[in-house]
Amino acid sequence: MPRYDAGSLADLEARLERDDPRFARSLASGRPIRPREYRRAGTWTALLVATGVLLVGVAVAHGLLIAAGLVFMGVAAQLLDPTRSPRGR
């Protein structure tokens, strides 16, 4: 049975603390939360707002609102992509 190097575990813990401090604190307290990659409430809200802007633009036949809604929907949809690179890299 292999013995784990305490140094590599400490490195893993330090990297977790650096990448997602909120998740690391929740693990230490014994009540884990979702990691950052799975917290998407703000993204869903942005997508709903963009959809609303698009629908209002269609309802009032205003081209600028339609264009803005489409652009914002594209940005919000890009944020939902699970394969996007992490922040800051």
C-alpha atoms as a PDB file:
ATOM      1  CA  MET A   1       0.000   0.000   0.000  1.00  0.00           C
ATOM      2  CA  PRO A   2       1.556   3.317  -1.029  1.00  0.00           C
ATOM      3  CA  ARG A   3       2.297   5.961   1.543  1.00  0.00           C
ATOM      4  CA  TYR A   4       1.223   9.434   0.628  1.00  0.00           C
ATOM      5  CA  ASP A   5       3.701  12.219   0.842  1.00  0.00           C
ATOM      6  CA  ALA A   6       2.565  14.822   3.369  1.00  0.00           C
ATOM      7  CA  GLY A   7       4.170  17.499   1.223  1.00  0.00           C
ATOM      8  CA  SER A   8       2.022  16.689  -1.798  1.00  0.00           C
ATOM      9  CA  LEU A   9      -1.121  16.758   0.345  1.00  0.00           C
ATOM     10  CA  ALA A  10      -0.078  20.129   1.747  1.00  0.00           C
ATOM     11  CA  ASP A  11       0.507  21.383  -1.808  1.00  0.00           C
ATOM     12  CA  LEU A  12      -2.943  20.168  -2.826  1.00  0.00           C
ATOM     13  CA  GLU A  13      -4.506  21.904   0.175  1.00  0.00           C
ATOM     14  CA  ALA A  14      -2.677  25.160  -0.592  1.00  0.00           C
ATOM     15  CA  ARG A  15      -3.760  25.061  -4.233  1.00  0.00           C
ATOM     16  CA  LEU A  16      -7.382  24.443  -3.226  1.00  0.00           C
ATOM     17  CA  GLU A  17      -7.225  27.371  -0.797  1.00  0.00           C
ATOM     18  CA  ARG A  18      -5.793  29.610  -3.515  1.00  0.00           C
ATOM     19  CA  ASP A  19      -8.224  28.514  -6.267  1.00  0.00           C
ATOM     20  CA  ASP A  20     -11.471  28.559  -4.278  1.00  0.00           C
ATOM     21  CA  PRO A  21     -11.091  29.862  -0.711  1.00  0.00           C
ATOM     22  CA  ARG A  22     -14.835  29.748  -0.020  1.00  0.00           C
ATOM     23  CA  PHE A  23     -14.965  26.035  -0.876  1.00  0.00           C
ATOM     24  CA  ALA A  24     -11.849  25.320   1.207  1.00  0.00           C
ATOM     25  CA  ARG A  25     -13.332  27.099   4.248  1.00  0.00           C
ATOM     26  CA  SER A  26     -16.565  25.159   3.896  1.00  0.00           C
ATOM     27  CA  LEU A  27     -14.668  21.863   3.779  1.00  0.00           C
ATOM     28  CA  ALA A  28     -12.757  22.827   6.909  1.00  0.00           C
ATOM     29  CA  SER A  29     -16.015  23.616   8.716  1.00  0.00           C
ATOM     30  CA  GLY A  30     -17.506  20.256   7.749  1.00  0.00           C
ATOM     31  CA  ARG A  31     -20.350  21.733   5.658  1.00  0.00           C
ATOM     32  CA  PRO A  32     -19.150  21.653   2.045  1.00  0.00           C
ATOM     33  CA  ILE A  33     -20.689  23.848  -0.629  1.00  0.00           C
ATOM     34  CA  ARG A  34     -20.490  23.582  -4.396  1.00  0.00           C
ATOM     35  CA  PRO A  35     -17.111  24.396  -5.930  1.00  0.00           C
ATOM     36  CA  ARG A  36     -16.878  27.595  -7.966  1.00  0.00           C
ATOM     37  CA  GLU A  37     -17.249  25.728 -11.264  1.00  0.00           C
ATOM     38  CA  TYR A  38     -20.768  24.643 -10.322  1.00  0.00           C
ATOM     39  CA  ARG A  39     -22.080  27.915  -8.895  1.00  0.00           C
ATOM     40  CA  ARG A  40     -23.948  29.472 -11.788  1.00  0.00           C
ATOM     41  CA  ALA A  41     -26.823  31.441 -10.224  1.00  0.00           C
ATOM     42  CA  GLY A  42     -25.469  34.762 -11.502  1.00  0.00           C
ATOM     43  CA  THR A  43     -25.052  33.370 -14.989  1.00  0.00           C
ATOM     44  CA  TRP A  44     -28.639  32.103 -15.093  1.00  0.00           C
ATOM     45  CA  THR A  45     -29.823  35.506 -13.875  1.00  0.00           C
ATOM     46  CA  ALA A  46     -27.864  37.231 -16.642  1.00  0.00           C
ATOM     47  CA  LEU A  47     -29.377  34.867 -19.199  1.00  0.00           C
ATOM     48  CA  LEU A  48     -32.904  35.624 -17.941  1.00  0.00           C
ATOM     49  CA  VAL A  49     -32.292  39.382 -18.028  1.00  0.00           C
ATOM     50  CA  ALA A  50     -30.880  39.125 -21.554  1.00  0.00           C
ATOM     51  CA  THR A  51     -33.915  37.118 -22.645  1.00  0.00           C
ATOM     52  CA  GLY A  52     -36.158  39.782 -21.144  1.00  0.00           C
ATOM     53  CA  VAL A  53     -34.313  42.532 -23.017  1.00  0.00           C
ATOM     54  CA  LEU A  54     -34.639  40.564 -26.249  1.00  0.00           C
ATOM     55  CA  LEU A  55     -38.372  39.969 -25.754  1.00  0.00           C
ATOM     56  CA  VAL A  56     -39.015  43.623 -24.916  1.00  0.00           C
ATOM     57  CA  GLY A  57     -37.071  44.603 -28.024  1.00  0.00           C
ATOM     58  CA  VAL A  58     -39.199  42.299 -30.161  1.00  0.00           C
ATOM     59  CA  ALA A  59     -42.432  43.517 -28.512  1.00  0.00           C
ATOM     60  CA  VAL A  60     -41.697  47.203 -29.135  1.00  0.00           C
ATOM     61  CA  ALA A  61     -39.937  46.547 -32.461  1.00  0.00           C
ATOM     62  CA  HIS A  62     -36.786  48.355 -31.384  1.00  0.00           C
ATOM     63  CA  GLY A  63     -33.675  47.151 -33.204  1.00  0.00           C
ATOM     64  CA  LEU A  64     -31.180  48.344 -30.609  1.00  0.00           C
ATOM     65  CA  LEU A  65     -32.896  46.378 -27.819  1.00  0.00           C
ATOM     66  CA  ILE A  66     -33.042  43.289 -30.011  1.00  0.00           C
ATOM     67  CA  ALA A  67     -29.334  43.569 -30.819  1.00  0.00           C
ATOM     68  CA  ALA A  68     -28.409  44.195 -27.177  1.00  0.00           C
ATOM     69  CA  GLY A  69     -30.515  41.223 -26.062  1.00  0.00           C
ATOM     70  CA  LEU A  70     -28.833  38.940 -28.575  1.00  0.00           C
ATOM     71  CA  VAL A  71     -25.356  40.087 -27.563  1.00  0.00           C
ATOM     72  CA  PHE A  72     -26.078  39.697 -23.845  1.00  0.00           C
ATOM     73  CA  MET A  73     -27.591  36.261 -24.447  1.00  0.00           C
ATOM     74  CA  GLY A  74     -24.422  35.224 -26.270  1.00  0.00           C
ATOM     75  CA  VAL A  75     -22.244  36.424 -23.407  1.00  0.00           C
ATOM     76  CA  ALA A  76     -24.399  34.665 -20.796  1.00  0.00           C
ATOM     77  CA  ALA A  77     -24.459  31.452 -22.830  1.00  0.00           C
ATOM     78  CA  GLN A  78     -20.659  31.570 -23.071  1.00  0.00           C
ATOM     79  CA  LEU A  79     -20.481  31.786 -19.272  1.00  0.00           C
ATOM     80  CA  LEU A  80     -22.517  28.566 -19.013  1.00  0.00           C
ATOM     81  CA  ASP A  81     -19.922  26.634 -21.025  1.00  0.00           C
ATOM     82  CA  PRO A  82     -18.471  23.941 -18.713  1.00  0.00           C
ATOM     83  CA  THR A  83     -15.248  23.679 -20.733  1.00  0.00           C
ATOM     84  CA  ARG A  84     -14.259  27.340 -20.425  1.00  0.00           C
ATOM     85  CA  SER A  85     -10.892  28.068 -18.894  1.00  0.00           C
ATOM     86  CA  PRO A  86     -10.771  29.057 -15.211  1.00  0.00           C
ATOM     87  CA  ARG A  87     -10.640  32.722 -14.269  1.00  0.00           C
ATOM     88  CA  GLY A  88      -7.289  34.391 -14.316  1.00  0.00           C
ATOM     89  CA  ARG A  89      -5.604  31.882 -16.585  1.00  0.00           C
END
